[in-house]
Protein backbone atom coordinates (compact mmCIF):
# COMPACT_ATOMS: atom_id res chain seq x y z
CA MET A 1 11.96 -72.62 -65.72
CA GLY A 2 9.25 -73.53 -63.26
CA ASP A 3 5.77 -72.72 -62.11
CA SER A 4 3.95 -69.57 -61.02
CA LEU A 5 6.55 -68.68 -58.40
CA MET A 6 8.80 -67.86 -61.33
CA SER A 7 6.16 -66.52 -63.73
CA TRP A 8 4.26 -64.27 -61.30
CA HIS A 9 4.44 -60.57 -62.28
CA LEU A 10 6.11 -61.46 -65.58
CA GLY A 11 3.76 -59.27 -67.61
CA SER A 12 4.55 -56.24 -65.44
CA THR A 13 8.34 -56.71 -65.56
CA ASN A 14 8.38 -57.32 -61.82
CA SER A 15 9.04 -61.07 -61.85
CA ILE A 16 11.94 -62.92 -60.28
CA THR A 17 13.51 -63.08 -63.73
CA ASP A 18 13.32 -59.31 -64.14
CA ALA A 19 15.01 -58.80 -60.78
CA VAL A 20 17.82 -61.22 -61.71
CA ALA A 21 18.37 -59.42 -65.01
CA ASN A 22 18.37 -56.02 -63.32
CA GLU A 23 20.85 -57.11 -60.65
CA LEU A 24 23.27 -58.81 -63.02
CA GLY A 25 22.89 -56.53 -66.04
CA GLU A 26 22.61 -59.65 -68.17
CA PRO A 27 19.87 -61.04 -70.44
CA VAL A 28 17.65 -63.59 -68.74
CA VAL A 29 14.96 -65.68 -70.44
CA ASN A 30 11.86 -66.77 -68.53
CA ARG A 31 10.13 -69.92 -69.81
CA SER A 32 8.14 -70.71 -66.67
CA VAL A 33 4.41 -71.45 -66.84
CA GLY A 34 1.87 -70.95 -64.08
CA GLY A 35 0.44 -74.26 -62.88
CA ALA A 36 3.32 -76.29 -64.32
CA ARG A 37 4.31 -79.56 -62.67
CA VAL A 38 7.28 -81.87 -62.59
CA LEU A 39 5.05 -84.92 -63.09
CA TYR A 40 2.75 -84.24 -66.03
CA GLY A 41 1.31 -86.81 -68.41
CA LEU A 42 -0.62 -84.88 -71.05
CA PRO A 43 1.52 -84.64 -74.20
CA VAL A 44 0.22 -81.49 -75.91
CA THR A 45 0.03 -79.15 -72.92
CA GLY A 46 3.12 -80.82 -71.50
CA ALA A 47 5.01 -79.83 -74.61
CA LEU A 48 3.70 -76.28 -74.18
CA GLY A 49 5.39 -75.98 -70.81
CA MET A 50 2.99 -77.48 -68.29
CA LYS A 51 5.67 -80.15 -67.78
CA ILE A 52 8.59 -78.21 -66.35
CA GLU A 53 11.39 -80.14 -68.03
CA ASN A 54 9.83 -79.35 -71.42
CA GLN A 55 10.33 -75.64 -70.79
CA TYR A 56 14.03 -76.07 -71.43
CA ALA A 57 15.24 -74.72 -74.78
CA LYS A 58 18.59 -75.83 -76.14
CA GLY A 59 21.17 -73.08 -76.02
CA ASP A 60 24.51 -71.97 -74.68
CA TRP A 61 23.18 -71.20 -71.20
CA ASP A 62 25.52 -70.27 -68.36
CA TRP A 63 22.90 -70.88 -65.69
CA VAL A 64 19.49 -72.52 -65.48
CA VAL A 65 17.29 -71.28 -62.63
CA LEU A 66 14.20 -73.33 -61.88
CA ASN A 67 11.71 -74.42 -59.28
CA GLY A 68 8.93 -76.97 -59.15
CA GLY A 69 7.13 -79.67 -57.23
CA GLY A 70 4.68 -77.50 -55.33
CA ASN A 71 1.81 -78.03 -57.76
CA ASP A 72 2.50 -81.76 -57.79
CA LEU A 73 1.99 -81.89 -54.03
CA TRP A 74 -0.65 -79.26 -53.42
CA LEU A 75 -2.81 -80.06 -56.45
CA GLY A 76 -1.49 -83.43 -57.50
CA CYS A 77 -1.83 -85.74 -54.53
CA GLY A 78 -5.21 -84.74 -53.12
CA CYS A 79 -3.86 -84.62 -49.57
CA PHE A 80 -3.87 -88.39 -49.21
CA ALA A 81 -0.97 -89.70 -51.31
CA CYS A 82 1.78 -87.22 -50.56
CA ASP A 83 4.41 -89.77 -49.53
CA GLY A 84 4.14 -91.65 -52.82
CA LYS A 85 4.14 -88.44 -54.82
CA LEU A 86 7.17 -87.17 -52.95
CA ASP A 87 9.10 -90.34 -53.75
CA LYS A 88 8.21 -90.01 -57.45
CA LEU A 89 9.45 -86.45 -57.41
CA ILE A 90 12.68 -87.19 -55.55
CA ALA A 91 13.88 -90.00 -53.31
CA PRO A 92 14.76 -89.34 -49.66
CA ASP A 93 18.48 -89.49 -50.46
CA GLY A 94 18.13 -87.10 -53.41
CA ARG A 95 19.52 -89.61 -55.91
CA ARG A 96 16.40 -90.75 -57.78
CA GLY A 97 13.06 -89.41 -58.97
CA GLU A 98 11.96 -87.01 -61.67
CA ILE A 99 13.47 -83.92 -60.09
CA ALA A 100 16.82 -85.67 -59.69
CA ARG A 101 16.75 -86.87 -63.30
CA MET A 102 15.77 -83.44 -64.62
CA VAL A 103 18.50 -81.66 -62.67
CA TRP A 104 21.13 -84.21 -63.74
CA GLU A 105 20.16 -83.70 -67.38
CA LEU A 106 20.21 -79.91 -67.08
CA ARG A 107 23.65 -80.05 -65.48
CA GLU A 108 24.92 -82.28 -68.28
CA THR A 109 24.28 -79.43 -70.74
CA GLY A 110 27.16 -77.58 -69.08
CA ALA A 111 24.98 -74.97 -67.41
CA ARG A 112 25.09 -74.54 -63.67
CA VAL A 113 21.72 -75.05 -62.00
CA ILE A 114 19.95 -73.18 -59.22
CA TYR A 115 16.85 -74.85 -57.79
CA VAL A 116 14.78 -72.25 -55.94
CA GLY A 117 12.64 -73.24 -52.97
CA TYR A 118 9.18 -71.92 -52.16
CA LEU A 119 7.92 -69.07 -50.05
CA ARG A 120 6.71 -70.08 -46.63
CA SER A 121 3.27 -69.19 -45.37
CA PRO A 122 3.33 -66.31 -42.90
CA GLY A 123 1.05 -68.42 -40.72
CA ARG A 124 -2.14 -66.54 -41.44
CA GLY A 125 -4.69 -66.78 -44.20
CA SER A 126 -2.88 -69.14 -46.56
CA VAL A 127 -4.49 -72.24 -48.09
CA ILE A 128 -1.08 -73.90 -48.42
CA GLU A 129 -0.40 -73.88 -44.69
CA HIS A 130 -1.44 -77.53 -44.39
CA CYS A 131 1.25 -78.57 -46.93
CA ARG A 132 4.12 -77.16 -44.87
CA ASP A 133 5.57 -80.51 -43.72
CA GLU A 134 5.51 -82.00 -47.22
CA GLY A 135 7.10 -78.88 -48.65
CA GLU A 136 9.85 -78.97 -46.05
CA GLU A 137 10.61 -82.60 -46.89
CA LEU A 138 10.61 -81.91 -50.63
CA GLU A 139 13.15 -79.14 -50.19
CA ALA A 140 15.33 -81.19 -47.84
CA ARG A 141 15.57 -83.85 -50.54
CA ILE A 142 16.44 -81.29 -53.23
CA ASP A 143 19.11 -79.88 -50.93
CA ARG A 144 20.61 -83.38 -50.65
CA LEU A 145 20.63 -83.65 -54.43
CA ALA A 146 22.45 -80.32 -54.72
CA ALA A 147 25.07 -81.54 -52.26
CA LEU A 148 25.78 -84.51 -54.54
CA LEU A 149 26.25 -82.54 -57.76
CA PRO A 150 28.96 -79.91 -58.26
CA GLY A 151 27.50 -76.93 -60.07
CA VAL A 152 24.01 -77.47 -58.62
CA TYR A 153 22.71 -75.20 -55.88
CA PHE A 154 19.57 -75.21 -53.77
CA LEU A 155 18.38 -71.71 -52.82
CA SER A 156 16.10 -71.90 -49.81
CA LEU A 157 13.55 -69.17 -49.17
CA ALA A 158 12.68 -70.54 -45.73
CA ASP A 159 13.92 -67.41 -43.96
CA LEU A 160 12.41 -64.84 -46.32
CA VAL A 161 8.91 -64.42 -44.87
CA PRO A 162 8.68 -63.20 -41.26
CA HIS A 163 5.88 -64.84 -39.27
CA GLY A 164 2.71 -62.80 -39.56
CA ASP A 165 4.03 -60.61 -42.38
CA ARG A 166 1.63 -60.75 -45.34
CA SER A 167 3.62 -58.31 -47.48
CA TYR A 168 5.65 -61.04 -49.18
CA HIS A 169 2.56 -62.63 -50.72
CA SER A 170 0.04 -61.51 -53.29
CA ALA A 171 -3.60 -61.24 -52.26
CA ASP A 172 -4.13 -65.00 -52.73
CA MET A 173 -1.50 -65.65 -50.02
CA ILE A 174 0.18 -68.23 -52.26
CA HIS A 175 2.15 -66.32 -54.88
CA PRO A 176 4.91 -63.78 -54.32
CA SER A 177 4.23 -60.08 -54.08
CA ILE A 178 6.39 -57.72 -56.13
CA LYS A 179 8.43 -57.20 -52.97
CA ALA A 180 9.05 -60.94 -52.65
CA SER A 181 9.80 -61.47 -56.35
CA THR A 182 12.36 -58.68 -56.21
CA GLU A 183 13.99 -60.10 -53.10
CA ILE A 184 14.10 -63.63 -54.52
CA GLY A 185 15.65 -62.32 -57.73
CA LYS A 186 18.30 -60.49 -55.72
CA ARG A 187 19.14 -63.70 -53.88
CA VAL A 188 19.44 -65.64 -57.14
CA ALA A 189 21.70 -62.94 -58.58
CA ALA A 190 23.84 -62.83 -55.43
CA LEU A 191 24.39 -66.59 -55.61
CA ILE A 192 25.37 -66.38 -59.28
CA GLU A 193 27.76 -63.50 -58.60
CA ALA A 194 29.35 -65.32 -55.67
CA GLU A 195 29.91 -68.50 -57.67
CA GLU A 196 31.17 -66.63 -60.73
CA ALA A 197 33.68 -64.82 -58.54
CA VAL A 198 35.36 -68.06 -57.44
CA GLN A 199 35.77 -69.44 -60.98
């Protein structure tokens, strides 16, 4: 579940999902939609997956891997209402907000939940560079949520992109390259394997 971080390269079998499936040797379903948001008010397109929580399909899932919130901040607050939008997404203590509610509900299905963070800008040529502070705060709050809920994990990508290295981004300098999608998928799979091993 999630936005274009998760759906990028899906048509070419080089998405994060494909890497997870390859690493684990298990079937993985990708229901993410490019441009999707956590906060989304339009009913028809929301039902079609533009609202991230609506991407969930009932089933006997072992794990749910998702991301989200970036489009709400970058496209949704117009660079002047980020604090209010952040609080709607998730409270500073991680206990309230739409992300917190969504993750709680996903966990209540019995599946374990991995919330994946975003790629960082390499510091050159990216239009999302100015959202860095808001993105850092969003992820800090999600990390606090994960600490509160057994079976919920926050997977940070903060250390993935070396400064000045453009090879982890597609040409738009926002979305992951195939290299990055593969590496993120490997990290997701490694977390799943580590947690499965201690059960």
